[in-house]
N, C-alpha and C. Protein backbone atom coordinates (compact mmCIF):
# COMPACT_ATOMS: atom_id res chain seq x y z
N MET A 1 0.72 -1.22 -0.06
CA MET A 1 -0.14 0.02 -0.02
C MET A 1 0.89 1.19 -0.02
N SER A 2 0.50 2.21 -0.81
CA SER A 2 1.30 3.47 -0.79
C SER A 2 1.16 4.18 0.39
N GLN A 3 2.08 5.18 0.64
CA GLN A 3 2.08 5.90 1.64
C GLN A 3 0.82 6.86 1.64
N ASN A 4 0.49 7.45 0.45
CA ASN A 4 -0.87 8.25 0.53
C ASN A 4 -2.10 7.31 0.74
N GLY A 5 -2.04 5.96 0.29
CA GLY A 5 -3.26 5.02 0.72
C GLY A 5 -3.18 4.92 2.20
N ARG A 6 -2.12 4.82 2.70
CA ARG A 6 -2.13 4.62 4.27
C ARG A 6 -2.68 5.87 4.99
N ARG A 7 -2.22 7.11 4.62
CA ARG A 7 -2.67 8.32 5.15
C ARG A 7 -4.24 8.52 4.93
N ASP A 8 -4.71 8.04 3.90
CA ASP A 8 -6.27 8.05 3.53
C ASP A 8 -6.90 7.21 4.43
N ASP A 9 -6.42 5.93 4.57
CA ASP A 9 -6.95 5.01 5.47
C ASP A 9 -6.94 5.69 6.93
N ASP A 10 -5.99 6.13 7.41
CA ASP A 10 -5.76 6.75 8.74
C ASP A 10 -6.77 7.84 8.93
N LYS A 11 -6.95 8.71 7.99
CA LYS A 11 -7.91 9.69 7.99
C LYS A 11 -9.36 9.35 8.10
N GLN A 12 -9.72 8.24 7.31
CA GLN A 12 -10.97 7.56 7.34
C GLN A 12 -11.17 7.01 8.70
N ARG A 13 -10.38 6.39 9.40
CA ARG A 13 -10.48 5.90 10.57
C ARG A 13 -10.61 6.82 11.66
N ALA A 14 -9.87 7.88 11.41
CA ALA A 14 -10.20 9.11 12.54
C ALA A 14 -11.49 9.66 12.38
N ARG A 15 -11.90 9.84 11.23
CA ARG A 15 -13.26 10.29 10.97
C ARG A 15 -14.40 9.58 11.65
N THR A 16 -14.18 8.21 11.59
CA THR A 16 -15.25 7.29 12.05
C THR A 16 -15.20 6.91 13.44
N GLU A 17 -14.10 7.37 14.31
CA GLU A 17 -13.85 6.76 15.53
C GLU A 17 -14.52 8.02 16.44
N GLY A 18 -15.29 7.56 17.32
CA GLY A 18 -15.79 8.56 18.28
C GLY A 18 -14.86 8.87 19.46
N MET A 19 -15.40 9.75 20.41
CA MET A 19 -14.32 10.18 21.44
C MET A 19 -13.80 9.05 22.15
N SER A 20 -14.56 7.93 22.39
CA SER A 20 -13.90 6.83 23.09
C SER A 20 -12.96 6.02 22.49
N GLY A 21 -12.62 6.39 21.11
CA GLY A 21 -11.80 5.49 20.29
C GLY A 21 -12.67 4.46 19.55
N GLU A 22 -13.95 4.25 19.91
CA GLU A 22 -14.63 3.09 19.18
C GLU A 22 -14.87 3.53 17.81
N ARG A 23 -14.83 2.77 16.85
CA ARG A 23 -15.44 3.27 15.48
C ARG A 23 -16.93 3.44 15.34
N ARG A 24 -17.12 4.59 14.82
CA ARG A 24 -18.49 4.96 14.67
C ARG A 24 -19.02 4.21 13.51
N MET A 25 -20.38 3.88 13.41
CA MET A 25 -20.98 3.18 12.42
C MET A 25 -21.21 4.19 11.32
N ARG A 26 -20.93 3.68 9.87
CA ARG A 26 -21.04 4.56 8.84
C ARG A 26 -22.37 4.27 8.16
N VAL A 27 -23.07 5.30 7.84
CA VAL A 27 -24.27 5.16 7.10
C VAL A 27 -24.20 5.96 5.90
N LEU A 28 -24.97 5.21 4.85
CA LEU A 28 -25.12 5.90 3.54
C LEU A 28 -26.56 6.13 3.53
N LEU A 29 -26.88 7.53 3.41
CA LEU A 29 -28.24 7.77 3.47
C LEU A 29 -28.66 8.24 2.00
N ALA A 30 -29.38 7.30 1.30
CA ALA A 30 -29.63 7.63 -0.16
C ALA A 30 -31.18 8.22 -0.09
N GLU A 31 -31.38 9.58 -0.19
CA GLU A 31 -32.60 10.24 -0.13
C GLU A 31 -32.53 11.48 -1.00
N ASP A 32 -33.51 11.60 -2.10
CA ASP A 32 -33.63 12.67 -3.07
C ASP A 32 -34.15 14.10 -2.45
N ASP A 33 -34.94 13.93 -1.28
CA ASP A 33 -35.51 15.11 -0.97
C ASP A 33 -34.38 15.78 0.17
N PRO A 34 -33.96 17.08 -0.31
CA PRO A 34 -32.86 17.68 0.44
C PRO A 34 -33.39 17.99 1.89
N THR A 35 -34.44 18.37 2.19
CA THR A 35 -34.96 18.66 3.46
C THR A 35 -34.82 17.29 4.42
N SER A 36 -35.38 16.34 4.04
CA SER A 36 -35.48 14.97 4.53
C SER A 36 -33.88 14.48 4.78
N ARG A 37 -33.20 14.64 3.66
CA ARG A 37 -31.72 14.35 3.89
C ARG A 37 -30.96 15.05 4.97
N LYS A 38 -31.40 16.34 4.99
CA LYS A 38 -30.58 17.25 6.06
C LYS A 38 -31.07 16.90 7.35
N VAL A 39 -32.30 16.68 7.63
CA VAL A 39 -32.95 16.37 8.87
C VAL A 39 -32.61 15.00 9.42
N MET A 40 -32.66 13.92 8.46
CA MET A 40 -32.21 12.57 8.87
C MET A 40 -30.70 12.59 9.25
N GLY A 41 -29.97 13.37 8.29
CA GLY A 41 -28.55 13.32 8.52
C GLY A 41 -28.15 13.80 9.91
N ILE A 42 -28.83 15.04 10.14
CA ILE A 42 -28.56 15.42 11.65
C ILE A 42 -28.99 14.60 12.73
N MET A 43 -30.17 13.95 12.60
CA MET A 43 -30.53 13.17 13.61
C MET A 43 -29.66 12.03 13.73
N LEU A 44 -29.22 11.30 12.83
CA LEU A 44 -28.24 10.20 12.65
C LEU A 44 -26.88 10.55 13.31
N GLU A 45 -26.38 11.72 12.99
CA GLU A 45 -25.12 12.23 13.54
C GLU A 45 -25.29 12.47 15.06
N ARG A 46 -26.38 12.93 15.56
CA ARG A 46 -26.72 13.07 16.95
C ARG A 46 -26.66 11.69 17.69
N ARG A 47 -26.98 10.54 16.97
CA ARG A 47 -26.83 9.34 17.45
C ARG A 47 -25.42 8.62 17.18
N ASN A 48 -24.56 9.50 16.83
CA ASN A 48 -22.96 9.09 16.77
C ASN A 48 -22.80 8.19 15.49
N PHE A 49 -23.52 8.39 14.53
CA PHE A 49 -23.32 7.78 13.29
C PHE A 49 -22.51 8.65 12.41
N ASP A 50 -21.61 8.17 11.53
CA ASP A 50 -21.04 8.86 10.56
C ASP A 50 -21.87 8.84 9.25
N VAL A 51 -22.32 9.94 8.78
CA VAL A 51 -23.35 9.94 7.68
C VAL A 51 -22.84 10.35 6.45
N GLU A 52 -23.08 9.76 5.30
CA GLU A 52 -22.70 10.26 3.99
C GLU A 52 -24.03 10.06 3.20
N ALA A 53 -24.33 11.07 2.52
CA ALA A 53 -25.66 11.09 1.80
C ALA A 53 -25.38 11.14 0.21
N ALA A 54 -26.47 10.61 -0.40
CA ALA A 54 -26.71 10.46 -1.80
C ALA A 54 -27.94 10.96 -2.09
N SER A 55 -28.00 11.79 -3.34
CA SER A 55 -29.31 12.41 -3.70
C SER A 55 -30.12 11.54 -4.67
N ASP A 56 -29.52 10.45 -5.25
CA ASP A 56 -30.38 9.48 -6.11
C ASP A 56 -29.66 8.32 -6.08
N GLY A 57 -30.17 7.25 -6.67
CA GLY A 57 -29.81 5.87 -6.78
C GLY A 57 -28.37 5.70 -7.46
N CYS A 58 -28.10 6.43 -8.59
CA CYS A 58 -26.81 6.41 -9.14
C CYS A 58 -25.61 6.70 -8.15
N GLU A 59 -25.86 7.78 -7.53
CA GLU A 59 -24.82 8.51 -6.63
C GLU A 59 -24.81 7.37 -5.32
N ALA A 60 -25.91 6.86 -4.87
CA ALA A 60 -25.77 5.78 -3.88
C ALA A 60 -24.97 4.63 -4.04
N VAL A 61 -24.98 4.14 -5.27
CA VAL A 61 -24.26 2.86 -5.81
C VAL A 61 -22.72 3.35 -5.91
N GLU A 62 -22.56 4.52 -6.46
CA GLU A 62 -21.14 4.95 -6.68
C GLU A 62 -20.46 5.28 -5.35
N LYS A 63 -21.16 5.72 -4.40
CA LYS A 63 -20.69 5.93 -2.92
C LYS A 63 -20.51 4.68 -2.31
N TRP A 64 -21.52 3.67 -2.39
CA TRP A 64 -21.34 2.31 -1.84
C TRP A 64 -20.08 1.74 -2.32
N ASN A 65 -20.04 1.73 -3.55
CA ASN A 65 -18.88 1.07 -4.18
C ASN A 65 -17.64 1.54 -3.72
N ALA A 66 -17.54 2.72 -3.19
CA ALA A 66 -16.26 3.45 -2.62
C ALA A 66 -15.89 2.57 -1.44
N GLY A 67 -16.91 2.06 -0.76
CA GLY A 67 -16.69 1.12 0.56
C GLY A 67 -17.02 1.72 1.85
N GLY A 68 -16.85 0.88 2.66
CA GLY A 68 -16.96 1.25 4.10
C GLY A 68 -18.23 1.48 4.80
N PHE A 69 -19.28 1.18 4.36
CA PHE A 69 -20.52 1.53 4.85
C PHE A 69 -21.14 0.34 5.80
N ASP A 70 -21.68 0.62 6.84
CA ASP A 70 -22.21 -0.54 7.77
C ASP A 70 -23.69 -0.76 7.48
N VAL A 71 -24.38 0.23 7.06
CA VAL A 71 -25.75 0.19 6.60
C VAL A 71 -26.05 1.14 5.53
N VAL A 72 -27.08 0.83 4.73
CA VAL A 72 -27.57 1.99 3.66
C VAL A 72 -28.97 2.13 4.02
N LEU A 73 -29.50 3.38 4.01
CA LEU A 73 -30.82 3.60 4.11
C LEU A 73 -31.31 4.20 2.75
N MET A 74 -32.11 3.49 2.20
CA MET A 74 -32.38 3.56 0.73
C MET A 74 -33.79 3.91 0.41
N ASP A 75 -33.86 5.34 0.07
CA ASP A 75 -35.33 5.75 -0.43
C ASP A 75 -35.68 4.80 -1.65
N VAL A 76 -36.98 4.39 -1.79
CA VAL A 76 -37.27 3.61 -2.83
C VAL A 76 -37.60 4.44 -4.22
N GLN A 77 -38.05 5.49 -3.96
CA GLN A 77 -38.35 6.48 -5.18
C GLN A 77 -37.37 7.53 -5.05
N MET A 78 -36.51 7.39 -6.23
CA MET A 78 -35.44 8.36 -6.46
C MET A 78 -35.29 8.66 -8.01
N PRO A 79 -34.82 9.75 -8.31
CA PRO A 79 -34.50 9.96 -9.75
C PRO A 79 -33.42 9.33 -10.31
N ARG A 80 -33.21 9.27 -11.62
CA ARG A 80 -32.05 8.59 -12.33
C ARG A 80 -32.05 7.01 -12.12
N LEU A 81 -32.23 6.48 -10.91
CA LEU A 81 -32.14 5.01 -10.49
C LEU A 81 -32.88 4.97 -9.15
N ASP A 82 -33.96 4.18 -9.20
CA ASP A 82 -34.84 3.99 -7.99
C ASP A 82 -34.03 3.25 -7.03
N GLY A 83 -34.51 3.12 -5.74
CA GLY A 83 -33.98 2.28 -4.77
C GLY A 83 -33.97 0.73 -5.00
N PHE A 84 -34.91 0.29 -5.85
CA PHE A 84 -35.05 -1.10 -6.17
C PHE A 84 -33.98 -1.49 -7.11
N ARG A 85 -33.55 -0.55 -7.99
CA ARG A 85 -32.63 -0.92 -8.98
C ARG A 85 -31.18 -0.59 -8.41
N ALA A 86 -31.10 0.38 -7.57
CA ALA A 86 -29.86 0.64 -6.87
C ALA A 86 -29.40 -0.63 -5.89
N THR A 87 -30.47 -1.00 -5.20
CA THR A 87 -30.16 -2.36 -4.33
C THR A 87 -29.72 -3.40 -5.32
N GLY A 88 -30.45 -3.66 -6.43
CA GLY A 88 -30.02 -4.81 -7.14
C GLY A 88 -28.59 -4.63 -7.67
N LEU A 89 -28.24 -3.47 -8.06
CA LEU A 89 -26.73 -3.17 -8.39
C LEU A 89 -25.86 -3.56 -7.21
N ILE A 90 -26.19 -2.97 -6.14
CA ILE A 90 -25.25 -3.32 -5.05
C ILE A 90 -25.10 -4.73 -4.89
N ARG A 91 -26.16 -5.59 -4.73
CA ARG A 91 -26.35 -6.96 -4.43
C ARG A 91 -25.43 -7.63 -5.49
N GLU A 92 -25.52 -7.34 -6.81
CA GLU A 92 -24.76 -7.92 -7.94
C GLU A 92 -23.27 -7.66 -7.58
N LEU A 93 -22.73 -6.38 -7.22
CA LEU A 93 -21.40 -6.12 -6.86
C LEU A 93 -20.96 -6.99 -5.56
N GLU A 94 -21.85 -7.24 -4.72
CA GLU A 94 -21.44 -7.95 -3.57
C GLU A 94 -21.32 -9.46 -3.92
N LYS A 95 -21.95 -9.98 -4.89
CA LYS A 95 -21.78 -11.38 -5.36
C LYS A 95 -20.42 -11.55 -6.08
N GLU A 96 -19.93 -10.48 -6.77
CA GLU A 96 -18.60 -10.50 -7.27
C GLU A 96 -17.62 -10.46 -6.44
N ARG A 97 -17.72 -9.64 -5.15
CA ARG A 97 -16.50 -9.48 -4.49
C ARG A 97 -16.66 -9.94 -3.03
N GLY A 98 -17.89 -10.48 -2.74
CA GLY A 98 -18.30 -10.94 -1.36
C GLY A 98 -18.74 -9.80 -0.55
N GLY A 99 -19.09 -10.20 0.61
CA GLY A 99 -19.76 -9.16 1.70
C GLY A 99 -21.24 -9.01 1.59
N HIS A 100 -21.67 -8.34 2.56
CA HIS A 100 -23.15 -8.02 2.56
C HIS A 100 -23.29 -6.75 3.49
N THR A 101 -23.93 -5.66 2.84
CA THR A 101 -24.19 -4.37 3.44
C THR A 101 -25.85 -4.52 3.70
N PRO A 102 -26.10 -4.38 5.01
CA PRO A 102 -27.64 -4.35 5.22
C PRO A 102 -28.20 -3.02 4.45
N ILE A 103 -29.32 -3.30 3.81
CA ILE A 103 -30.05 -2.16 3.16
C ILE A 103 -31.52 -2.09 3.67
N ILE A 104 -31.87 -0.77 4.35
CA ILE A 104 -33.09 -0.65 4.88
C ILE A 104 -33.85 0.28 3.93
N ALA A 105 -34.91 -0.11 3.59
CA ALA A 105 -35.92 0.57 2.49
C ALA A 105 -36.58 1.57 3.31
N MET A 106 -36.70 2.80 2.75
CA MET A 106 -37.55 3.82 3.16
C MET A 106 -38.52 4.23 2.17
N THR A 107 -39.77 4.24 2.41
CA THR A 107 -40.72 4.58 1.33
C THR A 107 -42.00 5.05 1.83
N ALA A 108 -42.68 5.84 1.09
CA ALA A 108 -44.02 6.36 1.22
C ALA A 108 -44.98 5.28 1.18
N HIS A 109 -44.68 4.21 0.39
CA HIS A 109 -45.54 3.15 0.11
C HIS A 109 -45.68 2.22 1.36
N ALA A 110 -46.99 2.37 1.92
CA ALA A 110 -47.17 1.75 3.04
C ALA A 110 -48.51 0.69 2.92
N MET A 111 -48.56 0.20 1.85
CA MET A 111 -49.81 -0.74 1.44
C MET A 111 -49.29 -2.14 1.84
N ARG A 112 -50.36 -3.02 2.03
CA ARG A 112 -50.07 -4.41 2.16
C ARG A 112 -49.35 -4.92 1.06
N GLY A 113 -48.22 -5.58 1.27
CA GLY A 113 -47.29 -6.09 0.12
C GLY A 113 -46.18 -5.29 -0.08
N ASP A 114 -45.93 -4.00 0.28
CA ASP A 114 -44.90 -3.12 -0.03
C ASP A 114 -43.62 -3.57 0.65
N GLU A 115 -43.78 -4.05 1.86
CA GLU A 115 -42.46 -4.46 2.64
C GLU A 115 -41.92 -5.78 1.84
N GLU A 116 -42.99 -6.74 1.55
CA GLU A 116 -42.42 -7.80 0.73
C GLU A 116 -41.67 -7.52 -0.44
N LEU A 117 -42.22 -6.59 -1.20
CA LEU A 117 -41.61 -6.15 -2.40
C LEU A 117 -40.04 -5.65 -2.20
N CYS A 118 -39.97 -4.97 -1.04
CA CYS A 118 -38.65 -4.27 -0.60
C CYS A 118 -37.84 -5.58 -0.33
N LEU A 119 -38.30 -6.57 0.43
CA LEU A 119 -37.48 -7.68 0.75
C LEU A 119 -37.12 -8.51 -0.28
N ALA A 120 -38.06 -8.70 -1.35
CA ALA A 120 -37.74 -9.51 -2.48
C ALA A 120 -36.79 -8.88 -3.33
N ALA A 121 -36.64 -7.48 -3.23
CA ALA A 121 -35.63 -6.87 -4.17
C ALA A 121 -34.29 -6.81 -3.59
N GLY A 122 -34.15 -7.57 -2.41
CA GLY A 122 -32.85 -7.64 -1.75
C GLY A 122 -32.53 -6.67 -0.40
N MET A 123 -33.57 -6.02 -0.14
CA MET A 123 -33.40 -5.15 0.92
C MET A 123 -33.51 -5.90 2.18
N ASP A 124 -32.95 -5.57 3.37
CA ASP A 124 -33.00 -6.40 4.54
C ASP A 124 -34.07 -6.01 5.52
N SER A 125 -34.64 -4.80 5.41
CA SER A 125 -35.55 -4.34 6.38
C SER A 125 -36.41 -3.00 5.62
N TYR A 126 -37.39 -2.50 6.40
CA TYR A 126 -38.20 -1.63 5.63
C TYR A 126 -38.81 -0.61 6.84
N VAL A 127 -38.86 0.64 6.47
CA VAL A 127 -39.59 1.58 7.24
C VAL A 127 -40.47 2.44 6.26
N SER A 128 -41.69 2.71 6.66
CA SER A 128 -42.42 3.68 6.00
C SER A 128 -42.28 5.22 6.31
N LYS A 129 -42.64 5.91 5.37
CA LYS A 129 -42.58 7.30 5.56
C LYS A 129 -43.92 7.92 5.84
N PRO A 130 -44.05 8.92 6.71
CA PRO A 130 -43.05 9.78 7.26
C PRO A 130 -42.26 8.88 8.23
N ILE A 131 -40.93 9.05 8.21
CA ILE A 131 -40.13 8.16 9.07
C ILE A 131 -40.25 8.38 10.78
N ASP A 132 -40.48 7.45 11.38
CA ASP A 132 -40.63 7.37 12.66
C ASP A 132 -39.19 7.03 13.15
N PHE A 133 -38.46 8.01 13.75
CA PHE A 133 -37.12 7.88 13.88
C PHE A 133 -36.64 6.83 14.99
N ALA A 134 -37.62 6.81 16.11
CA ALA A 134 -37.37 5.73 16.98
C ALA A 134 -37.39 4.28 16.29
N ARG A 135 -38.45 4.12 15.39
CA ARG A 135 -38.53 2.91 14.56
C ARG A 135 -37.24 2.65 13.79
N LEU A 136 -36.86 3.74 12.97
CA LEU A 136 -35.61 3.64 12.06
C LEU A 136 -34.59 3.03 12.97
N MET A 137 -34.20 3.66 14.12
CA MET A 137 -33.13 3.28 15.05
C MET A 137 -33.29 1.71 15.41
N GLU A 138 -34.46 1.44 15.75
CA GLU A 138 -34.72 0.13 16.01
C GLU A 138 -34.29 -0.96 14.96
N ARG A 139 -34.77 -0.42 13.74
CA ARG A 139 -34.50 -1.24 12.42
C ARG A 139 -32.88 -1.32 12.22
N ILE A 140 -32.39 -0.14 12.32
CA ILE A 140 -30.75 -0.05 12.20
C ILE A 140 -30.18 -1.14 13.09
N GLY A 141 -30.56 -1.02 14.29
CA GLY A 141 -30.04 -2.04 15.44
C GLY A 141 -30.24 -3.31 15.04
N GLN A 142 -31.44 -3.71 14.55
CA GLN A 142 -31.84 -5.15 14.15
C GLN A 142 -30.73 -5.48 13.02
N VAL A 143 -30.67 -4.88 11.98
CA VAL A 143 -29.82 -5.27 10.87
C VAL A 143 -28.38 -5.34 11.32
N LEU A 144 -27.85 -4.44 12.13
CA LEU A 144 -26.56 -4.62 12.52
C LEU A 144 -26.20 -5.60 13.40
N VAL A 145 -27.24 -6.01 14.34
CA VAL A 145 -26.98 -7.22 15.16
C VAL A 145 -27.01 -8.41 14.19
N ALA A 146 -27.86 -8.50 13.40
CA ALA A 146 -27.82 -9.70 12.31
C ALA A 146 -26.51 -9.84 11.68
N GLU A 147 -25.94 -8.79 11.39
CA GLU A 147 -24.63 -8.69 10.72
C GLU A 147 -23.45 -8.94 11.55
N GLY A 148 -23.77 -9.16 12.87
CA GLY A 148 -22.60 -9.21 13.79
C GLY A 148 -21.81 -7.83 14.11
N LYS A 149 -22.38 -6.84 13.95
CA LYS A 149 -21.78 -5.47 14.01
C LYS A 149 -22.18 -4.76 15.35
């Protein structure tokens, strides 16, 4: 590994470590609504998560591909590439290189069968909008525990 690569790794580790020296969980927040993205980002950061945001599905896949996320919060309806297709691309990339990143669907669709559609698309969990933050935190905890994190 090059000296620059090592410095970049050290910088990344420093950004994701809390005051206690424990590594903070990294969340990729894929949400096209700027207000929702900002509010959720602030709330997650207050819970000691390191948050990186994406405004559409293409950007979400690109950022996920750069690596290092513990969980993805994926809006189902986004421009350029919706959450279902973005999840499919992430799952295909995981097949090629191994690993699994939990993906939690966030959607205004709260009809019977919508959760099953999200799970069938490769998402690990589901929360409906408007987001109940306590419920979201519960779902994040569940998928992280299931992954052994």
